[in-house]
Structures are given as structure tokens and as C-alpha cells.
Amino acid sequence: QVQFVESGGGLVQPGGSLRLSCVASGMRIRLHAMGWYRQAPGKQREVVASILTGSNTNYADSVKGRFTISRDNAKNSVYLQMNSLKPEDTAVYYCNAAPGWDSKWGQGTLVTVSS
């Protein structure tokens, strides 16, 4: 059974950094493009960053230059390094395949950017 478990969220001040981790089970991430997504209160889920099997990456305009997605196929894990965080980055962050697989969304990890 495919499962994604996210971790690494928390409360951080504006300008701070966090590194999110996602461990996948039931599938091999090396065979798939993977993505990080987020859902802010009252808003729809949106894609933040994606990484292809060949490690090419894509980012939402709102996070370009601040976030970096990476993968470790040996650990079946995907990461999101987030720097220069802003209050508008506050959201629950999820990982999934890219595009996301319906019904495979995990619990996510909450990131709160506030002073």
C-alpha cells in the first residue's frame, strides 16, 4: 500500500528556514516524478515544487529561489529545503507523486511562519 509520511514542519519566524522530509513506502520513488504540495487555510492545495526521475526540478513562482526540492532514491525519500520563509508560506505541506495520486495524500506537516 502506497503511503507518504511527511515530517519537519513547525513554527518559524519570517526569514527562517525549515527542511521537510517525506518517506515513501509501497512504491519506488526512483520510478516517479515527485512533488511537494501545500494547502493554506481556506485555499486549494497547490503544487510547490516537483522533481523528475532525472532530478530536473520545477518550482512555483512564489517559491523560486527560496525552496529546493531533492530526492534520495536509496532512502526512498524526498526533501524540501525552505529558506527565507514568509508568512504566506504558512500551510500544511504534503508530498506525493507528481501529478499527485488521488487517495494517497498523507497527513502532511504543518508549517507556520509567524513572529
PDB file of N, CA and C in Angstrom:
ATOM      1  N   GLN A   1       0.840  -1.181   0.000  1.00  0.00           N
ATOM      2  CA  GLN A   1       0.000   0.000   0.000  1.00  0.00           C
ATOM      3  C   GLN A   1       0.886   1.246   0.000  1.00  0.00           C
ATOM      4  N   VAL A   2       0.596   2.149  -0.919  1.00  0.00           N
ATOM      5  CA  VAL A   2       1.389   3.366  -1.032  1.00  0.00           C
ATOM      6  C   VAL A   2       1.081   4.299   0.141  1.00  0.00           C
ATOM      7  N   GLN A   3       2.143   4.818   0.729  1.00  0.00           N
ATOM      8  CA  GLN A   3       1.983   5.748   1.842  1.00  0.00           C
ATOM      9  C   GLN A   3       3.109   6.773   1.806  1.00  0.00           C
ATOM     10  N   PHE A   4       2.763   8.020   2.089  1.00  0.00           N
ATOM     11  CA  PHE A   4       3.747   9.092   2.207  1.00  0.00           C
ATOM     12  C   PHE A   4       3.653   9.675   3.612  1.00  0.00           C
ATOM     13  N   VAL A   5       4.790   9.759   4.286  1.00  0.00           N
ATOM     14  CA  VAL A   5       4.825  10.295   5.643  1.00  0.00           C
ATOM     15  C   VAL A   5       5.733  11.514   5.669  1.00  0.00           C
ATOM     16  N   GLU A   6       5.116  12.665   5.939  1.00  0.00           N
ATOM     17  CA  GLU A   6       5.848  13.931   5.943  1.00  0.00           C
ATOM     18  C   GLU A   6       6.246  14.311   7.362  1.00  0.00           C
ATOM     19  N   SER A   7       7.366  15.009   7.489  1.00  0.00           N
ATOM     20  CA  SER A   7       7.808  15.499   8.792  1.00  0.00           C
ATOM     21  C   SER A   7       8.678  16.731   8.604  1.00  0.00           C
ATOM     22  N   GLY A   8       8.952  17.421   9.716  1.00  0.00           N
ATOM     23  CA  GLY A   8       9.873  18.548   9.670  1.00  0.00           C
ATOM     24  C   GLY A   8       9.228  19.916   9.786  1.00  0.00           C
ATOM     25  N   GLY A   9       7.904  19.952   9.821  1.00  0.00           N
ATOM     26  CA  GLY A   9       7.238  21.232   9.953  1.00  0.00           C
ATOM     27  C   GLY A   9       7.380  21.804  11.354  1.00  0.00           C
ATOM     28  N   GLY A  10       6.890  23.023  11.525  1.00  0.00           N
ATOM     29  CA  GLY A  10       6.947  23.664  12.831  1.00  0.00           C
ATOM     30  C   GLY A  10       6.690  25.149  12.717  1.00  0.00           C
ATOM     31  N   LEU A  11       6.937  25.824  13.814  1.00  0.00           N
ATOM     32  CA  LEU A  11       6.775  27.283  13.877  1.00  0.00           C
ATOM     33  C   LEU A  11       8.135  27.935  13.648  1.00  0.00           C
ATOM     34  N   VAL A  12       8.178  28.880  12.724  1.00  0.00           N
ATOM     35  CA  VAL A  12       9.433  29.551  12.407  1.00  0.00           C
ATOM     36  C   VAL A  12       9.142  31.025  12.174  1.00  0.00           C
ATOM     37  N   GLN A  13      10.096  31.858  12.500  1.00  0.00           N
ATOM     38  CA  GLN A  13       9.935  33.292  12.279  1.00  0.00           C
ATOM     39  C   GLN A  13      10.164  33.633  10.804  1.00  0.00           C
ATOM     40  N   PRO A  14       9.582  34.716  10.352  1.00  0.00           N
ATOM     41  CA  PRO A  14       9.853  35.163   8.978  1.00  0.00           C
ATOM     42  C   PRO A  14      11.353  35.294   8.735  1.00  0.00           C
ATOM     43  N   GLY A  15      11.769  34.823   7.570  1.00  0.00           N
ATOM     44  CA  GLY A  15      13.194  34.815   7.253  1.00  0.00           C
ATOM     45  C   GLY A  15      13.914  33.550   7.652  1.00  0.00           C
ATOM     46  N   GLY A  16      13.245  32.702   8.414  1.00  0.00           N
ATOM     47  CA  GLY A  16      13.866  31.470   8.881  1.00  0.00           C
ATOM     48  C   GLY A  16      13.829  30.356   7.848  1.00  0.00           C
ATOM     49  N   SER A  17      14.316  29.185   8.273  1.00  0.00           N
ATOM     50  CA  SER A  17      14.413  28.038   7.376  1.00  0.00           C
ATOM     51  C   SER A  17      13.861  26.787   8.040  1.00  0.00           C
ATOM     52  N   LEU A  18      13.391  25.887   7.211  1.00  0.00           N
ATOM     53  CA  LEU A  18      12.962  24.560   7.644  1.00  0.00           C
ATOM     54  C   LEU A  18      13.304  23.570   6.536  1.00  0.00           C
ATOM     55  N   ARG A  19      13.499  22.330   6.935  1.00  0.00           N
ATOM     56  CA  ARG A  19      13.712  21.260   5.951  1.00  0.00           C
ATOM     57  C   ARG A  19      12.666  20.176   6.185  1.00  0.00           C
ATOM     58  N   LEU A  20      11.847  19.975   5.194  1.00  0.00           N
ATOM     59  CA  LEU A  20      10.816  18.955   5.268  1.00  0.00           C
ATOM     60  C   LEU A  20      11.327  17.651   4.669  1.00  0.00           C
ATOM     61  N   SER A  21      10.862  16.553   5.249  1.00  0.00           N
ATOM     62  CA  SER A  21      11.222  15.229   4.756  1.00  0.00           C
ATOM     63  C   SER A  21       9.963  14.433   4.463  1.00  0.00           C
ATOM     64  N   CYS A  22      10.071  13.554   3.507  1.00  0.00           N
ATOM     65  CA  CYS A  22       8.964  12.667   3.155  1.00  0.00           C
ATOM     66  C   CYS A  22       9.536  11.288   2.876  1.00  0.00           C
ATOM     67  N   VAL A  23       9.039  10.300   3.591  1.00  0.00           N
ATOM     68  CA  VAL A  23       9.421   8.913   3.343  1.00  0.00           C
ATOM     69  C   VAL A  23       8.255   8.210   2.663  1.00  0.00           C
ATOM     70  N   ALA A  24       8.552   7.575   1.543  1.00  0.00           N
ATOM     71  CA  ALA A  24       7.525   6.854   0.796  1.00  0.00           C
ATOM     72  C   ALA A  24       7.650   5.360   1.058  1.00  0.00           C
ATOM     73  N   SER A  25       6.523   4.684   1.073  1.00  0.00           N
ATOM     74  CA  SER A  25       6.504   3.231   1.167  1.00  0.00           C
ATOM     75  C   SER A  25       5.483   2.701   0.187  1.00  0.00           C
ATOM     76  N   GLY A  26       5.688   1.440  -0.226  1.00  0.00           N
ATOM     77  CA  GLY A  26       4.757   0.831  -1.170  1.00  0.00           C
ATOM     78  C   GLY A  26       4.984   1.234  -2.609  1.00  0.00           C
ATOM     79  N   MET A  27       5.989   2.006  -2.873  1.00  0.00           N
ATOM     80  CA  MET A  27       6.347   2.413  -4.229  1.00  0.00           C
ATOM     81  C   MET A  27       7.811   2.835  -4.227  1.00  0.00           C
ATOM     82  N   ARG A  28       8.421   2.864  -5.392  1.00  0.00           N
ATOM     83  CA  ARG A  28       9.821   3.259  -5.509  1.00  0.00           C
ATOM     84  C   ARG A  28       9.877   4.636  -6.135  1.00  0.00           C
ATOM     85  N   ILE A  29      10.322   5.608  -5.367  1.00  0.00           N
ATOM     86  CA  ILE A  29      10.277   6.979  -5.878  1.00  0.00           C
ATOM     87  C   ILE A  29      11.175   7.156  -7.095  1.00  0.00           C
ATOM     88  N   ARG A  30      12.179   6.294  -7.250  1.00  0.00           N
ATOM     89  CA  ARG A  30      13.112   6.480  -8.371  1.00  0.00           C
ATOM     90  C   ARG A  30      12.414   6.286  -9.715  1.00  0.00           C
ATOM     91  N   LEU A  31      11.237   5.673  -9.680  1.00  0.00           N
ATOM     92  CA  LEU A  31      10.490   5.421 -10.909  1.00  0.00           C
ATOM     93  C   LEU A  31       9.479   6.518 -11.224  1.00  0.00           C
ATOM     94  N   HIS A  32       9.395   7.527 -10.334  1.00  0.00           N
ATOM     95  CA  HIS A  32       8.327   8.510 -10.464  1.00  0.00           C
ATOM     96  C   HIS A  32       8.830   9.928 -10.265  1.00  0.00           C
ATOM     97  N   ALA A  33       8.191  10.857 -10.956  1.00  0.00           N
ATOM     98  CA  ALA A  33       8.344  12.258 -10.579  1.00  0.00           C
ATOM     99  C   ALA A  33       7.639  12.448  -9.243  1.00  0.00           C
ATOM    100  N   MET A  34       8.234  13.269  -8.389  1.00  0.00           N
ATOM    101  CA  MET A  34       7.684  13.500  -7.059  1.00  0.00           C
ATOM    102  C   MET A  34       7.459  14.991  -6.843  1.00  0.00           C
ATOM    103  N   GLY A  35       6.538  15.296  -5.947  1.00  0.00           N
ATOM    104  CA  GLY A  35       6.242  16.701  -5.717  1.00  0.00           C
ATOM    105  C   GLY A  35       5.960  17.032  -4.272  1.00  0.00           C
ATOM    106  N   TRP A  36       6.141  18.278  -3.938  1.00  0.00           N
ATOM    107  CA  TRP A  36       5.685  18.826  -2.669  1.00  0.00           C
ATOM    108  C   TRP A  36       4.524  19.771  -2.977  1.00  0.00           C
ATOM    109  N   TYR A  37       3.515  19.704  -2.129  1.00  0.00           N
ATOM    110  CA  TYR A  37       2.307  20.487  -2.299  1.00  0.00           C
ATOM    111  C   TYR A  37       1.995  21.166  -0.967  1.00  0.00           C
ATOM    112  N   ARG A  38       1.157  22.183  -1.015  1.00  0.00           N
ATOM    113  CA  ARG A  38       0.743  22.808   0.233  1.00  0.00           C
ATOM    114  C   ARG A  38      -0.698  23.291   0.129  1.00  0.00           C
ATOM    115  N   GLN A  39      -1.325  23.355   1.289  1.00  0.00           N
ATOM    116  CA  GLN A  39      -2.689  23.859   1.360  1.00  0.00           C
ATOM    117  C   GLN A  39      -2.784  24.823   2.528  1.00  0.00           C
ATOM    118  N   ALA A  40      -3.013  26.060   2.207  1.00  0.00           N
ATOM    119  CA  ALA A  40      -3.180  27.093   3.230  1.00  0.00           C
ATOM    120  C   ALA A  40      -4.641  27.136   3.662  1.00  0.00           C
ATOM    121  N   PRO A  41      -4.904  27.658   4.847  1.00  0.00           N
ATOM    122  CA  PRO A  41      -6.293  27.738   5.332  1.00  0.00           C
ATOM    123  C   PRO A  41      -7.195  28.460   4.339  1.00  0.00           C
ATOM    124  N   GLY A  42      -8.300  27.822   3.998  1.00  0.00           N
ATOM    125  CA  GLY A  42      -9.264  28.441   3.103  1.00  0.00           C
ATOM    126  C   GLY A  42      -8.888  28.430   1.639  1.00  0.00           C
ATOM    127  N   LYS A  43      -7.784  27.759   1.302  1.00  0.00           N
ATOM    128  CA  LYS A  43      -7.334  27.740  -0.090  1.00  0.00           C
ATOM    129  C   LYS A  43      -7.222  26.312  -0.596  1.00  0.00           C
ATOM    130  N   GLN A  44      -7.162  26.177  -1.907  1.00  0.00           N
ATOM    131  CA  GLN A  44      -6.986  24.862  -2.506  1.00  0.00           C
ATOM    132  C   GLN A  44      -5.529  24.426  -2.422  1.00  0.00           C
ATOM    133  N   ARG A  45      -5.339  23.131  -2.476  1.00  0.00           N
ATOM    134  CA  ARG A  45      -3.980  22.599  -2.491  1.00  0.00           C
ATOM    135  C   ARG A  45      -3.284  23.029  -3.774  1.00  0.00           C
ATOM    136  N   GLU A  46      -2.012  23.374  -3.668  1.00  0.00           N
ATOM    137  CA  GLU A  46      -1.247  23.800  -4.825  1.00  0.00           C
ATOM    138  C   GLU A  46       0.113  23.094  -4.837  1.00  0.00           C
ATOM    139  N   VAL A  47       0.658  22.931  -6.023  1.00  0.00           N
ATOM    140  CA  VAL A  47       1.980  22.336  -6.135  1.00  0.00           C
ATOM    141  C   VAL A  47       3.028  23.393  -5.846  1.00  0.00           C
ATOM    142  N   VAL A  48       4.007  23.028  -5.048  1.00  0.00           N
ATOM    143  CA  VAL A  48       5.084  23.936  -4.673  1.00  0.00           C
ATOM    144  C   VAL A  48       6.332  23.667  -5.506  1.00  0.00           C
ATOM    145  N   ALA A  49       6.668  22.384  -5.618  1.00  0.00           N
ATOM    146  CA  ALA A  49       7.883  22.004  -6.323  1.00  0.00           C
ATOM    147  C   ALA A  49       7.753  20.566  -6.785  1.00  0.00           C
ATOM    148  N   SER A  50       8.436  20.239  -7.865  1.00  0.00           N
ATOM    149  CA  SER A  50       8.446  18.867  -8.341  1.00  0.00           C
ATOM    150  C   SER A  50       9.843  18.520  -8.826  1.00  0.00           C
ATOM    151  N   ILE A  51      10.134  17.217  -8.789  1.00  0.00           N
ATOM    152  CA  ILE A  51      11.436  16.732  -9.224  1.00  0.00           C
ATOM    153  C   ILE A  51      11.203  15.496 -10.070  1.00  0.00           C
ATOM    154  N   LEU A  52      11.775  15.503 -11.256  1.00  0.00           N
ATOM    155  CA  LEU A  52      11.592  14.395 -12.181  1.00  0.00           C
ATOM    156  C   LEU A  52      12.542  13.249 -11.828  1.00  0.00           C
ATOM    157  N   THR A  53      12.381  12.126 -12.508  1.00  0.00           N
ATOM    158  CA  THR A  53      13.232  10.983 -12.221  1.00  0.00           C
ATOM    159  C   THR A  53      14.693  11.284 -12.520  1.00  0.00           C
ATOM    160  N   GLY A  54      14.927  12.176 -13.457  1.00  0.00           N
ATOM    161  CA  GLY A  54      16.296  12.559 -13.791  1.00  0.00           C
ATOM    162  C   GLY A  54      16.805  13.713 -12.964  1.00  0.00           C
ATOM    163  N   SER A  55      16.029  14.102 -11.938  1.00  0.00           N
ATOM    164  CA  SER A  55      16.374  15.168 -10.986  1.00  0.00           C
ATOM    165  C   SER A  55      16.209  16.569 -11.523  1.00  0.00           C
ATOM    166  N   ASN A  56      15.620  16.750 -12.697  1.00  0.00           N
ATOM    167  CA  ASN A  56      15.213  18.099 -13.099  1.00  0.00           C
ATOM    168  C   ASN A  56      14.111  18.571 -12.164  1.00  0.00           C
ATOM    169  N   THR A  57      14.125  19.868 -11.862  1.00  0.00           N
ATOM    170  CA  THR A  57      13.185  20.406 -10.896  1.00  0.00           C
ATOM    171  C   THR A  57      12.346  21.543 -11.481  1.00  0.00           C
ATOM    172  N   ASN A  58      11.175  21.730 -10.880  1.00  0.00           N
ATOM    173  CA  ASN A  58      10.298  22.838 -11.234  1.00  0.00           C
ATOM    174  C   ASN A  58       9.738  23.423  -9.953  1.00  0.00           C
ATOM    175  N   TYR A  59       9.516  24.736  -9.957  1.00  0.00           N
ATOM    176  CA  TYR A  59       9.039  25.422  -8.765  1.00  0.00           C
ATOM    177  C   TYR A  59       7.910  26.376  -9.100  1.00  0.00           C
ATOM    178  N   ALA A  60       7.009  26.534  -8.145  1.00  0.00           N
ATOM    179  CA  ALA A  60       6.015  27.595  -8.262  1.00  0.00           C
ATOM    180  C   ALA A  60       6.741  28.935  -8.207  1.00  0.00           C
ATOM    181  N   ASP A  61       6.208  29.917  -8.928  1.00  0.00           N
ATOM    182  CA  ASP A  61       6.859  31.228  -8.951  1.00  0.00           C
ATOM    183  C   ASP A  61       7.031  31.817  -7.556  1.00  0.00           C
ATOM    184  N   SER A  62       6.085  31.519  -6.684  1.00  0.00           N
ATOM    185  CA  SER A  62       6.095  32.106  -5.346  1.00  0.00           C
ATOM    186  C   SER A  62       7.243  31.603  -4.469  1.00  0.00           C
ATOM    187  N   VAL A  63       7.871  30.487  -4.856  1.00  0.00           N
ATOM    188  CA  VAL A  63       8.932  29.920  -4.013  1.00  0.00           C
ATOM    189  C   VAL A  63      10.274  29.838  -4.736  1.00  0.00           C
ATOM    190  N   LYS A  64      10.312  30.213  -5.993  1.00  0.00           N
ATOM    191  CA  LYS A  64      11.565  30.138  -6.746  1.00  0.00           C
ATOM    192  C   LYS A  64      12.657  30.939  -6.063  1.00  0.00           C
ATOM    193  N   GLY A  65      13.832  30.321  -5.971  1.00  0.00           N
ATOM    194  CA  GLY A  65      14.966  30.989  -5.341  1.00  0.00           C
ATOM    195  C   GLY A  65      15.001  30.854  -3.831  1.00  0.00           C
ATOM    196  N   ARG A  66      13.921  30.337  -3.250  1.00  0.00           N
ATOM    197  CA  ARG A  66      13.870  30.164  -1.783  1.00  0.00           C
ATOM    198  C   ARG A  66      13.771  28.700  -1.375  1.00  0.00           C
ATOM    199  N   PHE A  67      13.086  27.893  -2.164  1.00  0.00           N
ATOM    200  CA  PHE A  67      12.877  26.479  -1.839  1.00  0.00           C
ATOM    201  C   PHE A  67      13.706  25.607  -2.779  1.00  0.00           C
ATOM    202  N   THR A  68      14.144  24.465  -2.250  1.00  0.00           N
ATOM    203  CA  THR A  68      14.872  23.496  -3.064  1.00  0.00           C
ATOM    204  C   THR A  68      14.341  22.101  -2.775  1.00  0.00           C
ATOM    205  N   ILE A  69      13.908  21.420  -3.821  1.00  0.00           N
ATOM    206  CA  ILE A  69      13.447  20.040  -3.686  1.00  0.00           C
ATOM    207  C   ILE A  69      14.589  19.103  -4.066  1.00  0.00           C
ATOM    208  N   SER A  70      14.673  17.982  -3.354  1.00  0.00           N
ATOM    209  CA  SER A  70      15.706  16.997  -3.665  1.00  0.00           C
ATOM    210  C   SER A  70      15.154  15.612  -3.356  1.00  0.00           C
ATOM    211  N   ARG A  71      15.862  14.619  -3.813  1.00  0.00           N
ATOM    212  CA  ARG A  71      15.422  13.251  -3.580  1.00  0.00           C
ATOM    213  C   ARG A  71      16.614  12.377  -3.245  1.00  0.00           C
ATOM    214  N   ASP A  72      16.379  11.338  -2.464  1.00  0.00           N
ATOM    215  CA  ASP A  72      17.378  10.319  -2.158  1.00  0.00           C
ATOM    216  C   ASP A  72      16.707   8.987  -2.466  1.00  0.00           C
ATOM    217  N   ASN A  73      16.969   8.483  -3.653  1.00  0.00           N
ATOM    218  CA  ASN A  73      16.294   7.252  -4.076  1.00  0.00           C
ATOM    219  C   ASN A  73      16.642   6.066  -3.175  1.00  0.00           C
ATOM    220  N   ALA A  74      17.868   6.054  -2.666  1.00  0.00           N
ATOM    221  CA  ALA A  74      18.286   4.944  -1.797  1.00  0.00           C
ATOM    222  C   ALA A  74      17.468   4.909  -0.505  1.00  0.00           C
ATOM    223  N   LYS A  75      17.064   6.092  -0.045  1.00  0.00           N
ATOM    224  CA  LYS A  75      16.258   6.168   1.182  1.00  0.00           C
ATOM    225  C   LYS A  75      14.765   6.284   0.871  1.00  0.00           C
ATOM    226  N   ASN A  76      14.446   6.246  -0.414  1.00  0.00           N
ATOM    227  CA  ASN A  76      13.049   6.391  -0.841  1.00  0.00           C
ATOM    228  C   ASN A  76      12.412   7.637  -0.230  1.00  0.00           C
ATOM    229  N   SER A  77      13.164   8.724  -0.254  1.00  0.00           N
ATOM    230  CA  SER A  77      12.756   9.950   0.432  1.00  0.00           C
ATOM    231  C   SER A  77      12.888  11.171  -0.465  1.00  0.00           C
ATOM    232  N   VAL A  78      12.042  12.131  -0.173  1.00  0.00           N
ATOM    233  CA  VAL A  78      12.050  13.413  -0.868  1.00  0.00           C
ATOM    234  C   VAL A  78      12.141  14.514   0.184  1.00  0.00           C
ATOM    235  N   TYR A  79      12.844  15.589  -0.146  1.00  0.00           N
ATOM    236  CA  TYR A  79      13.069  16.656   0.815  1.00  0.00           C
ATOM    237  C   TYR A  79      12.683  18.008   0.220  1.00  0.00           C
ATOM    238  N   LEU A  80      12.378  18.947   1.096  1.00  0.00           N
ATOM    239  CA  LEU A  80      12.118  20.319   0.665  1.00  0.00           C
ATOM    240  C   LEU A  80      12.840  21.247   1.634  1.00  0.00           C
ATOM    241  N   GLN A  81      13.891  21.869   1.151  1.00  0.00           N
ATOM    242  CA  GLN A  81      14.602  22.879   1.938  1.00  0.00           C
ATOM    243  C   GLN A  81      13.929  24.218   1.684  1.00  0.00           C
ATOM    244  N   MET A  82      13.483  24.853   2.744  1.00  0.00           N
ATOM    245  CA  MET A  82      12.759  26.114   2.635  1.00  0.00           C
ATOM    246  C   MET A  82      13.532  27.203   3.361  1.00  0.00           C
ATOM    247  N   ASN A  83      13.956  28.195   2.632  1.00  0.00           N
ATOM    248  CA  ASN A  83      14.699  29.323   3.192  1.00  0.00           C
ATOM    249  C   ASN A  83      13.911  30.613   2.999  1.00  0.00           C
ATOM    250  N   SER A  84      14.306  31.629   3.733  1.00  0.00           N
ATOM    251  CA  SER A  84      13.669  32.949   3.621  1.00  0.00           C
ATOM    252  C   SER A  84      12.147  32.837   3.695  1.00  0.00           C
ATOM    253  N   LEU A  85      11.693  32.109   4.674  1.00  0.00           N
ATOM    254  CA  LEU A  85      10.260  31.848   4.786  1.00  0.00           C
ATOM    255  C   LEU A  85       9.472  33.127   5.052  1.00  0.00           C
ATOM    256  N   LYS A  86       8.268  33.152   4.492  1.00  0.00           N
ATOM    257  CA  LYS A  86       7.377  34.297   4.626  1.00  0.00           C
ATOM    258  C   LYS A  86       6.072  33.843   5.285  1.00  0.00           C
ATOM    259  N   PRO A  87       5.344  34.752   5.890  1.00  0.00           N
ATOM    260  CA  PRO A  87       4.055  34.371   6.494  1.00  0.00           C
ATOM    261  C   PRO A  87       3.119  33.691   5.494  1.00  0.00           C
ATOM    262  N   GLU A  88       3.192  34.089   4.244  1.00  0.00           N
ATOM    263  CA  GLU A  88       2.308  33.478   3.238  1.00  0.00           C
ATOM    264  C   GLU A  88       2.709  32.045   2.889  1.00  0.00           C
ATOM    265  N   ASP A  89       3.830  31.562   3.410  1.00  0.00           N
ATOM    266  CA  ASP A  89       4.203  30.158   3.234  1.00  0.00           C
ATOM    267  C   ASP A  89       3.508  29.262   4.252  1.00  0.00           C
ATOM    268  N   THR A  90       2.799  29.844   5.189  1.00  0.00           N
ATOM    269  CA  THR A  90       2.081  29.064   6.195  1.00  0.00           C
ATOM    270  C   THR A  90       1.055  28.161   5.533  1.00  0.00           C
ATOM    271  N   ALA A  91       1.159  26.871   5.810  1.00  0.00           N
ATOM    272  CA  ALA A  91       0.284  25.886   5.177  1.00  0.00           C
ATOM    273  C   ALA A  91       0.619  24.498   5.715  1.00  0.00           C
ATOM    274  N   VAL A  92      -0.228  23.550   5.385  1.00  0.00           N
ATOM    275  CA  VAL A  92       0.111  22.147   5.568  1.00  0.00           C
ATOM    276  C   VAL A  92       0.791  21.678   4.283  1.00  0.00           C
ATOM    277  N   TYR A  93       1.956  21.068   4.429  1.00  0.00           N
ATOM    278  CA  TYR A  93       2.748  20.628   3.287  1.00  0.00           C
ATOM    279  C   TYR A  93       2.641  19.107   3.146  1.00  0.00           C
ATOM    280  N   TYR A  94       2.458  18.682   1.916  1.00  0.00           N
ATOM    281  CA  TYR A  94       2.297  17.263   1.594  1.00  0.00           C
ATOM    282  C   TYR A  94       3.285  16.879   0.500  1.00  0.00           C
ATOM    283  N   CYS A  95       3.671  15.599   0.501  1.00  0.00           N
ATOM    284  CA  CYS A  95       4.381  15.086  -0.666  1.00  0.00           C
ATOM    285  C   CYS A  95       3.521  14.007  -1.313  1.00  0.00           C
ATOM    286  N   ASN A  96       3.789  13.787  -2.575  1.00  0.00           N
ATOM    287  CA  ASN A  96       3.026  12.818  -3.362  1.00  0.00           C
ATOM    288  C   ASN A  96       3.774  12.671  -4.671  1.00  0.00           C
ATOM    289  N   ALA A  97       3.337  11.763  -5.483  1.00  0.00           N
ATOM    290  CA  ALA A  97       3.858  11.707  -6.845  1.00  0.00           C
ATOM    291  C   ALA A  97       3.449  12.995  -7.549  1.00  0.00           C
ATOM    292  N   ALA A  98       4.050  13.222  -8.713  1.00  0.00           N
ATOM    293  CA  ALA A  98       3.706  14.413  -9.496  1.00  0.00           C
ATOM    294  C   ALA A  98       3.280  13.963 -10.898  1.00  0.00           C
ATOM    295  N   PRO A  99       2.041  14.202 -11.293  1.00  0.00           N
ATOM    296  CA  PRO A  99       0.945  14.780 -10.508  1.00  0.00           C
ATOM    297  C   PRO A  99       0.552  13.890  -9.337  1.00  0.00           C
ATOM    298  N   GLY A 100      -0.135  14.472  -8.374  1.00  0.00           N
ATOM    299  CA  GLY A 100      -0.497  13.749  -7.167  1.00  0.00           C
ATOM    300  C   GLY A 100      -1.454  12.601  -7.422  1.00  0.00           C
ATOM    301  N   TRP A 101      -1.240  11.525  -6.695  1.00  0.00           N
ATOM    302  CA  TRP A 101      -2.130  10.367  -6.787  1.00  0.00           C
ATOM    303  C   TRP A 101      -3.301  10.551  -5.841  1.00  0.00           C
ATOM    304  N   ASP A 102      -4.507  10.549  -6.413  1.00  0.00           N
ATOM    305  CA  ASP A 102      -5.690  10.682  -5.572  1.00  0.00           C
ATOM    306  C   ASP A 102      -5.714   9.577  -4.529  1.00  0.00           C
ATOM    307  N   SER A 103      -6.232   9.882  -3.391  1.00  0.00           N
ATOM    308  CA  SER A 103      -6.424   8.967  -2.259  1.00  0.00           C
ATOM    309  C   SER A 103      -5.124   8.545  -1.604  1.00  0.00           C
ATOM    310  N   LYS A 104      -3.975   9.087  -2.045  1.00  0.00           N
ATOM    311  CA  LYS A 104      -2.693   8.735  -1.439  1.00  0.00           C
ATOM    312  C   LYS A 104      -2.102   9.885  -0.639  1.00  0.00           C
ATOM    313  N   TRP A 105      -2.869  10.918  -0.399  1.00  0.00           N
ATOM    314  CA  TRP A 105      -2.372  12.031   0.394  1.00  0.00           C
ATOM    315  C   TRP A 105      -2.181  11.615   1.843  1.00  0.00           C
ATOM    316  N   GLY A 106      -1.039  11.997   2.412  1.00  0.00           N
ATOM    317  CA  GLY A 106      -0.769  11.693   3.807  1.00  0.00           C
ATOM    318  C   GLY A 106      -1.355  12.757   4.716  1.00  0.00           C
ATOM    319  N   GLN A 107      -0.885  12.761   5.961  1.00  0.00           N
ATOM    320  CA  GLN A 107      -1.379  13.735   6.937  1.00  0.00           C
ATOM    321  C   GLN A 107      -0.776  15.117   6.733  1.00  0.00           C
ATOM    322  N   GLY A 108       0.372  15.152   6.070  1.00  0.00           N
ATOM    323  CA  GLY A 108       1.044  16.422   5.866  1.00  0.00           C
ATOM    324  C   GLY A 108       1.778  16.872   7.115  1.00  0.00           C
ATOM    325  N   THR A 109       2.518  17.958   6.969  1.00  0.00           N
ATOM    326  CA  THR A 109       3.231  18.555   8.091  1.00  0.00           C
ATOM    327  C   THR A 109       2.979  20.058   8.067  1.00  0.00           C
ATOM    328  N   LEU A 110       2.612  20.596   9.217  1.00  0.00           N
ATOM    329  CA  LEU A 110       2.197  21.994   9.300  1.00  0.00           C
ATOM    330  C   LEU A 110       3.406  22.908   9.434  1.00  0.00           C
ATOM    331  N   VAL A 111       3.452  23.898   8.581  1.00  0.00           N
ATOM    332  CA  VAL A 111       4.467  24.944   8.646  1.00  0.00           C
ATOM    333  C   VAL A 111       3.773  26.256   8.968  1.00  0.00           C
ATOM    334  N   THR A 112       4.205  26.870  10.052  1.00  0.00           N
ATOM    335  CA  THR A 112       3.638  28.158  10.457  1.00  0.00           C
ATOM    336  C   THR A 112       4.761  29.182  10.510  1.00  0.00           C
ATOM    337  N   VAL A 113       4.618  30.233   9.725  1.00  0.00           N
ATOM    338  CA  VAL A 113       5.618  31.297   9.683  1.00  0.00           C
ATOM    339  C   VAL A 113       5.019  32.537  10.334  1.00  0.00           C
ATOM    340  N   SER A 114       5.525  32.845  11.499  1.00  0.00           N
ATOM    341  CA  SER A 114       4.943  33.940  12.266  1.00  0.00           C
ATOM    342  C   SER A 114       5.953  34.470  13.263  1.00  0.00           C
ATOM    343  N   SER A 115       5.867  35.754  13.536  1.00  0.00           N
ATOM    344  CA  SER A 115       6.723  36.355  14.553  1.00  0.00           C
ATOM    345  C   SER A 115       6.007  36.375  15.906  1.00  0.00           C
TER     346      SER A 115
END
